[in-house]
Amino acid sequence: MPEVGLGAALERFELQMQGEDYCVVDIVDGQQASIVLNALPEFPLEVKPERARQFVAAWRERNRIQGHPFEVHKEQREV
């Protein structure tokens, strides 16, 4: 993920399943995003922000339907 400059907006989603960290989704300036899976931290996936939000929504819905305990922590800030 490119370095975040001053004034860049950061939207972060931390996904947890059954009390374990699953991945972190970062969206910077609404123009670039990354998904970092805890199982493969050395291979961050760069995606478009819309795709990153779709991933979070799909992950949330799949776990809800399957009845798995999960949490999504959302943080939004200016850095």
Protein backbone atom coordinates (compact mmCIF):
# COMPACT_ATOMS: atom_id res chain seq x y z
CA MET A 1 0.00 0.00 0.00
CA PRO A 2 1.44 3.41 -0.85
CA GLU A 3 2.42 5.63 2.02
CA VAL A 4 -0.39 7.83 3.28
CA GLY A 5 0.35 11.55 3.04
CA LEU A 6 -0.91 14.31 5.29
CA GLY A 7 -4.57 15.11 4.88
CA ALA A 8 -5.42 11.75 3.29
CA ALA A 9 -8.68 10.23 4.46
CA LEU A 10 -8.37 6.70 5.78
CA GLU A 11 -11.24 4.29 6.13
CA ARG A 12 -10.31 1.06 7.90
CA PHE A 13 -12.31 -2.12 8.43
CA GLU A 14 -10.94 -4.74 10.82
CA LEU A 15 -12.72 -8.06 10.30
CA GLN A 16 -12.78 -10.67 13.05
CA MET A 17 -14.35 -14.11 13.07
CA GLN A 18 -14.88 -16.17 16.22
CA GLY A 19 -12.63 -13.78 18.17
CA GLU A 20 -9.72 -14.10 15.71
CA ASP A 21 -8.46 -11.33 13.43
CA TYR A 22 -9.22 -12.20 9.81
CA CYS A 23 -8.10 -9.22 7.73
CA VAL A 24 -7.76 -5.45 7.51
CA VAL A 25 -9.25 -3.42 4.68
CA ASP A 26 -7.83 0.09 4.19
CA ILE A 27 -9.27 2.69 1.82
CA VAL A 28 -7.22 5.83 1.23
CA ASP A 29 -8.70 8.99 -0.31
CA GLY A 30 -11.44 6.91 -1.91
CA GLN A 31 -9.00 6.16 -4.73
CA GLN A 32 -7.00 3.15 -3.60
CA ALA A 33 -7.56 0.27 -1.22
CA SER A 34 -5.82 -2.77 0.15
CA ILE A 35 -6.91 -6.00 1.78
CA VAL A 36 -4.39 -7.64 4.09
CA LEU A 37 -5.30 -11.16 5.18
CA ASN A 38 -3.80 -12.12 8.54
CA ALA A 39 -2.87 -15.52 7.11
CA LEU A 40 -0.85 -13.84 4.31
CA PRO A 41 0.33 -10.43 5.56
CA GLU A 42 3.25 -10.36 3.13
CA PHE A 43 0.85 -10.33 0.15
CA PRO A 44 -1.48 -7.30 0.46
CA LEU A 45 -4.12 -7.20 -2.25
CA GLU A 46 -4.54 -3.85 -3.96
CA VAL A 47 -8.10 -3.27 -5.14
CA LYS A 48 -10.43 -0.42 -6.01
CA PRO A 49 -12.31 1.13 -3.08
CA GLU A 50 -15.69 -0.03 -4.40
CA ARG A 51 -14.40 -3.61 -4.56
CA ALA A 52 -13.01 -3.35 -1.02
CA ARG A 53 -16.41 -2.23 0.30
CA GLN A 54 -18.09 -5.08 -1.61
CA PHE A 55 -15.66 -7.52 0.01
CA VAL A 56 -16.54 -6.25 3.50
CA ALA A 57 -20.27 -6.41 2.76
CA ALA A 58 -20.04 -9.91 1.27
CA TRP A 59 -17.90 -11.17 4.17
CA ARG A 60 -20.39 -9.75 6.66
CA GLU A 61 -23.39 -11.26 4.84
CA ARG A 62 -21.78 -14.70 4.43
CA ASN A 63 -21.00 -14.94 8.13
CA ARG A 64 -24.47 -13.70 9.08
CA ILE A 65 -26.15 -16.31 6.85
CA GLN A 66 -23.90 -19.12 8.10
CA GLY A 67 -24.42 -18.08 11.72
CA HIS A 68 -20.72 -17.57 12.45
CA PRO A 69 -19.88 -15.08 15.19
CA PHE A 70 -18.10 -12.12 13.62
CA GLU A 71 -17.24 -8.47 14.20
CA VAL A 72 -16.50 -5.59 11.87
CA HIS A 73 -14.74 -2.61 13.39
CA LYS A 74 -14.87 0.50 11.23
CA GLU A 75 -12.64 3.50 11.78
CA GLN A 76 -12.59 6.66 9.73
CA ARG A 77 -10.05 9.40 10.21
CA GLU A 78 -7.93 12.06 8.63
CA VAL A 79 -4.22 11.36 8.76
